[in-house]
N, C-alpha and C. Protein backbone atom coordinates (compact mmCIF):
# COMPACT_ATOMS: atom_id res chain seq x y z
N UNK A 1 93.91 103.63 114.35
CA UNK A 1 93.96 103.98 115.25
C UNK A 1 92.42 103.76 115.34
N UNK A 2 91.42 102.97 116.50
CA UNK A 2 89.69 102.94 116.55
C UNK A 2 89.71 103.31 117.83
N UNK A 3 88.06 103.66 118.07
CA UNK A 3 87.86 104.14 118.42
C UNK A 3 86.54 103.43 119.14
N UNK A 4 85.88 103.07 120.18
CA UNK A 4 84.76 102.69 120.07
C UNK A 4 83.88 103.29 121.44
N UNK A 5 82.61 103.84 120.90
CA UNK A 5 81.59 105.42 121.08
C UNK A 5 80.93 104.81 121.51
N UNK A 6 79.89 105.85 122.89
CA UNK A 6 79.21 105.56 122.58
C UNK A 6 77.79 106.92 122.33
N UNK A 7 77.05 106.49 121.29
CA UNK A 7 75.72 107.81 121.59
C UNK A 7 74.57 106.93 120.32
N UNK A 8 73.58 108.07 121.36
CA UNK A 8 72.34 107.12 121.45
C UNK A 8 72.04 106.13 121.67
N UNK A 9 72.58 105.66 123.05
CA UNK A 9 71.66 104.58 123.57
C UNK A 9 72.81 103.31 122.78
N UNK A 10 73.23 103.57 122.24
CA UNK A 10 74.22 102.51 121.61
C UNK A 10 76.01 102.75 121.24
N UNK A 11 76.45 101.49 120.99
CA UNK A 11 77.79 101.45 120.56
C UNK A 11 78.49 101.60 119.58
N UNK A 12 79.71 102.08 118.73
CA UNK A 12 79.68 101.87 117.62
C UNK A 12 81.17 101.49 117.80
N UNK A 13 81.78 100.92 116.73
CA UNK A 13 83.58 100.89 116.83
C UNK A 13 83.81 101.84 115.49
N UNK A 14 84.69 102.57 115.38
CA UNK A 14 84.88 103.96 114.52
C UNK A 14 86.02 103.99 113.94
N UNK A 15 86.50 104.33 112.72
CA UNK A 15 87.86 104.57 112.41
C UNK A 15 87.73 106.17 111.77
N UNK A 16 89.07 106.46 112.15
CA UNK A 16 89.14 107.80 110.98
C UNK A 16 88.85 107.54 109.27
N UNK A 17 88.35 108.36 109.19
CA UNK A 17 87.81 108.61 107.79
C UNK A 17 86.37 107.94 107.18
N UNK A 18 85.85 106.59 109.12
CA UNK A 18 85.13 106.16 108.56
C UNK A 18 83.47 106.55 108.53
N UNK A 19 82.11 106.20 108.23
CA UNK A 19 81.33 106.93 108.10
C UNK A 19 80.28 105.60 108.72
N UNK A 20 79.23 106.72 109.79
CA UNK A 20 78.36 105.46 110.73
C UNK A 20 77.40 106.31 110.72
N UNK A 21 76.07 106.12 110.66
CA UNK A 21 74.40 106.24 110.96
C UNK A 21 74.79 105.47 112.26
N UNK A 22 74.28 107.08 112.91
CA UNK A 22 73.39 107.34 114.13
C UNK A 22 72.13 107.64 114.84
N UNK A 23 71.94 107.23 115.60
CA UNK A 23 70.07 107.80 116.25
C UNK A 23 70.25 109.69 115.63
N UNK A 24 69.22 110.40 115.36
CA UNK A 24 70.01 111.59 115.67
C UNK A 24 69.50 112.82 115.97
N UNK A 25 71.24 113.47 115.15
CA UNK A 25 71.66 114.35 116.00
C UNK A 25 70.97 115.89 116.01
N UNK A 26 70.75 116.57 117.24
CA UNK A 26 70.27 118.38 116.22
C UNK A 26 71.72 118.61 116.27
N UNK A 27 72.21 118.93 115.23
CA UNK A 27 73.00 119.56 114.19
C UNK A 27 73.65 119.16 112.66
N UNK A 28 73.74 120.53 112.38
CA UNK A 28 73.53 120.54 111.07
C UNK A 28 74.02 119.81 110.35
N UNK A 29 73.78 119.89 109.46
CA UNK A 29 74.55 118.95 108.24
C UNK A 29 75.76 120.37 107.73
N UNK A 30 77.24 119.24 107.47
CA UNK A 30 78.68 119.93 107.92
C UNK A 30 79.02 120.68 109.05
N UNK A 31 78.08 120.36 110.40
CA UNK A 31 79.00 120.89 111.24
C UNK A 31 79.40 120.41 111.79
N UNK A 32 80.53 120.05 113.52
CA UNK A 32 81.15 119.27 113.47
C UNK A 32 80.27 119.01 114.85
N UNK A 33 80.49 117.27 115.21
CA UNK A 33 80.07 116.84 116.42
C UNK A 33 81.24 116.36 117.03
N UNK A 34 81.71 116.86 118.62
CA UNK A 34 82.54 115.65 119.26
C UNK A 34 81.67 115.37 120.25
N UNK A 35 82.26 113.40 119.64
CA UNK A 35 81.59 112.68 121.02
C UNK A 35 82.64 112.28 122.09
N UNK A 36 82.15 112.25 122.97
CA UNK A 36 82.85 112.09 124.12
C UNK A 36 83.03 110.72 125.14
N UNK A 37 82.47 110.51 124.61
CA UNK A 37 81.58 108.86 125.92
C UNK A 37 82.34 108.13 124.84
N UNK A 38 83.85 107.95 125.19
CA UNK A 38 84.46 106.87 125.10
C UNK A 38 84.78 105.50 125.74
N UNK A 39 84.64 104.29 125.02
CA UNK A 39 84.84 103.15 125.99
C UNK A 39 85.92 102.75 125.37
N UNK A 40 86.45 102.44 124.63
CA UNK A 40 87.69 102.19 124.62
C UNK A 40 88.83 102.96 123.44
N UNK A 41 90.07 102.69 123.52
CA UNK A 41 90.32 103.06 122.33
C UNK A 41 91.78 102.18 122.33
N UNK A 42 91.71 101.80 121.18
CA UNK A 42 92.59 100.60 120.02
C UNK A 42 93.85 100.61 119.52
N UNK A 43 94.60 100.21 118.97
CA UNK A 43 95.17 100.48 117.64
C UNK A 43 97.03 100.65 118.21
N UNK A 44 97.25 101.82 117.62
CA UNK A 44 98.77 101.91 118.24
C UNK A 44 99.51 101.57 120.30
N UNK A 45 98.26 102.47 120.90
CA UNK A 45 98.34 102.28 122.32
C UNK A 45 96.50 102.08 122.73
N UNK A 46 96.54 101.26 123.99
CA UNK A 46 95.64 100.48 124.45
C UNK A 46 94.74 100.95 125.93
N UNK A 47 93.57 101.50 125.32
CA UNK A 47 92.94 102.35 126.60
C UNK A 47 91.74 101.90 126.92
N UNK A 48 91.18 101.43 128.23
CA UNK A 48 90.21 101.46 128.23
C UNK A 48 89.54 102.14 128.99
N UNK A 49 87.93 102.68 129.37
CA UNK A 49 87.23 103.59 130.69
C UNK A 49 86.90 102.47 131.02
N UNK A 50 86.66 103.54 132.44
CA UNK A 50 85.65 102.82 133.37
C UNK A 50 84.31 103.85 133.58
N UNK A 51 83.48 103.80 133.03
CA UNK A 51 83.27 103.28 131.68
C UNK A 51 83.52 103.97 131.09
N UNK A 52 84.22 105.46 131.38
CA UNK A 52 84.52 106.10 129.74
C UNK A 52 85.88 106.53 130.14
N UNK A 53 87.30 107.23 129.02
CA UNK A 53 88.71 107.40 129.59
C UNK A 53 87.85 108.43 129.26
N UNK A 54 88.56 109.17 130.24
CA UNK A 54 87.80 110.76 130.47
C UNK A 54 88.47 111.78 129.47
N UNK A 55 89.94 111.82 128.98
CA UNK A 55 90.25 113.20 128.29
C UNK A 55 90.87 112.36 126.82
N UNK A 56 89.78 111.57 126.40
CA UNK A 56 89.67 111.06 124.58
C UNK A 56 88.00 111.63 124.37
N UNK A 57 88.18 112.24 123.02
CA UNK A 57 87.63 112.42 122.71
C UNK A 57 87.51 111.89 120.60
N UNK A 58 86.28 111.83 120.13
CA UNK A 58 86.30 111.07 118.16
C UNK A 58 85.27 112.48 118.19
N UNK A 59 86.33 113.71 116.82
CA UNK A 59 85.45 114.51 116.35
C UNK A 59 85.09 113.98 114.82
N UNK A 60 83.71 114.44 114.95
CA UNK A 60 83.11 114.13 113.25
C UNK A 60 82.57 114.92 113.09
N UNK A 61 82.25 115.24 111.37
CA UNK A 61 81.29 115.87 110.81
C UNK A 61 79.95 115.26 109.95
N UNK A 62 78.28 116.11 110.30
CA UNK A 62 77.35 115.73 109.89
C UNK A 62 77.53 115.53 108.17
N UNK A 63 77.24 114.57 107.92
CA UNK A 63 77.28 114.40 105.97
C UNK A 63 75.37 114.37 105.97
N UNK A 64 74.75 113.85 106.61
CA UNK A 64 73.42 113.55 106.31
C UNK A 64 72.66 113.76 107.01
N UNK A 65 71.20 113.98 107.23
CA UNK A 65 69.89 113.42 107.69
C UNK A 65 69.14 112.85 107.04
N UNK A 66 68.03 111.95 108.07
CA UNK A 66 67.58 110.97 107.13
C UNK A 66 66.70 110.20 107.45
N UNK A 67 66.01 109.00 106.12
CA UNK A 67 64.95 108.37 107.66
C UNK A 67 65.33 106.88 106.69
N UNK A 68 65.06 105.96 107.56
CA UNK A 68 65.63 104.83 107.31
C UNK A 68 64.34 103.93 107.12
N UNK A 69 64.76 102.92 106.25
CA UNK A 69 63.26 101.41 105.49
C UNK A 69 62.67 101.53 106.40
N UNK A 70 61.19 101.67 105.98
CA UNK A 70 60.33 101.83 106.59
C UNK A 70 59.97 99.75 107.21
N UNK A 71 59.61 100.54 108.21
CA UNK A 71 59.71 98.35 108.27
C UNK A 71 57.85 98.74 109.11
N UNK A 72 57.32 96.95 109.07
CA UNK A 72 55.97 97.44 109.37
C UNK A 72 55.86 96.16 110.51
N UNK A 73 54.84 97.39 111.82
CA UNK A 73 54.35 96.43 113.20
C UNK A 73 52.91 95.73 113.04
N UNK A 74 53.06 94.38 112.64
CA UNK A 74 52.02 93.98 112.63
C UNK A 74 50.76 93.21 114.15
N UNK A 75 50.54 93.57 114.83
CA UNK A 75 50.48 93.24 115.91
C UNK A 75 48.62 92.19 115.74
N UNK A 76 48.34 90.60 115.58
CA UNK A 76 47.01 89.99 115.99
C UNK A 76 46.84 88.81 117.22
N UNK A 77 45.95 89.23 117.94
CA UNK A 77 45.17 88.84 119.14
C UNK A 77 44.31 87.77 118.89
N UNK A 78 44.68 86.31 118.34
CA UNK A 78 43.79 85.10 118.31
C UNK A 78 42.56 85.28 118.86
N UNK A 79 41.59 84.81 118.07
CA UNK A 79 40.60 84.72 118.24
C UNK A 79 39.46 85.30 118.44
N UNK A 80 40.26 86.94 118.82
CA UNK A 80 39.20 87.92 118.84
C UNK A 80 39.40 88.58 117.97
N UNK A 81 39.47 88.96 116.74
CA UNK A 81 39.10 89.41 115.68
C UNK A 81 40.11 90.90 115.58
N UNK A 82 40.90 90.41 115.87
CA UNK A 82 41.57 92.10 116.46
C UNK A 82 43.26 91.55 115.89
N UNK A 83 43.51 93.11 114.95
CA UNK A 83 44.23 93.38 114.19
C UNK A 83 44.73 94.84 114.01
N UNK A 84 46.02 95.13 113.86
CA UNK A 84 46.44 95.82 113.86
C UNK A 84 47.78 96.09 113.57
N UNK A 85 47.99 96.90 112.44
CA UNK A 85 49.14 97.51 111.71
C UNK A 85 49.71 98.33 111.81
N UNK A 86 50.92 98.84 112.04
CA UNK A 86 51.59 99.85 112.17
C UNK A 86 52.87 100.27 110.56
N UNK A 87 52.97 101.16 111.03
CA UNK A 87 54.69 101.66 109.63
C UNK A 87 55.07 102.03 110.45
N UNK A 88 56.80 101.94 111.42
CA UNK A 88 58.04 103.34 111.15
C UNK A 88 58.94 103.59 110.86
N UNK A 89 59.81 104.26 110.64
CA UNK A 89 60.82 105.21 109.85
C UNK A 89 61.67 105.72 111.07
N UNK A 90 62.74 104.70 110.99
CA UNK A 90 64.07 105.90 112.04
C UNK A 90 64.62 107.21 111.70
N UNK A 91 64.45 108.30 112.46
CA UNK A 91 65.57 109.36 111.84
C UNK A 91 66.74 108.56 112.05
N UNK A 92 68.22 109.11 110.93
CA UNK A 92 68.84 108.60 111.46
C UNK A 92 69.75 110.17 111.05
N UNK A 93 71.10 109.90 111.58
CA UNK A 93 72.12 110.90 111.16
C UNK A 93 73.31 109.90 110.67
N UNK A 94 73.62 110.22 109.41
CA UNK A 94 75.25 110.06 108.79
C UNK A 94 76.18 110.65 109.37
N UNK A 95 77.79 110.38 110.15
CA UNK A 95 79.02 110.87 110.63
C UNK A 95 79.86 110.30 109.83
N UNK A 96 80.91 111.57 109.62
CA UNK A 96 81.56 111.67 108.95
C UNK A 96 83.03 111.57 110.24
N UNK A 97 83.73 110.79 110.57
CA UNK A 97 84.34 110.66 111.73
C UNK A 97 85.98 110.88 110.78
N UNK A 98 86.39 112.07 112.26
CA UNK A 98 88.38 112.93 111.37
C UNK A 98 88.83 112.82 111.94
N UNK A 99 88.93 112.92 113.47
CA UNK A 99 90.08 112.70 114.43
C UNK A 99 89.46 111.56 115.33
N UNK A 100 90.53 111.94 116.32
CA UNK A 100 90.46 110.35 117.30
C UNK A 100 91.57 111.24 118.00
N UNK A 101 91.43 111.12 119.10
CA UNK A 101 92.37 111.94 119.96
C UNK A 101 92.14 111.44 121.84
N UNK A 102 93.64 110.80 121.88
CA UNK A 102 93.21 109.76 123.37
C UNK A 102 93.94 110.67 124.57
């Protein structure tokens, strides 16, 4: 059984036992998170929400918090001797999917 959930403005396809990296959530490591924005449930039974399924929930455990790889943002305006370099590291939370209930 799998589900498509929405969190942090992005959509993820999850299965029981899988791990996903999502935008940083305000939860402690080892805590449980209930994701109730379920767009679709598939596998044995198939259901599509409009936009969300009313009674579907995905239960996940917070494994870790961290920061992603550094990316470099470089902007240059040609013929104006203007350059700007900036770095960015995105915060993330790793979730382990425990159960899907539809």
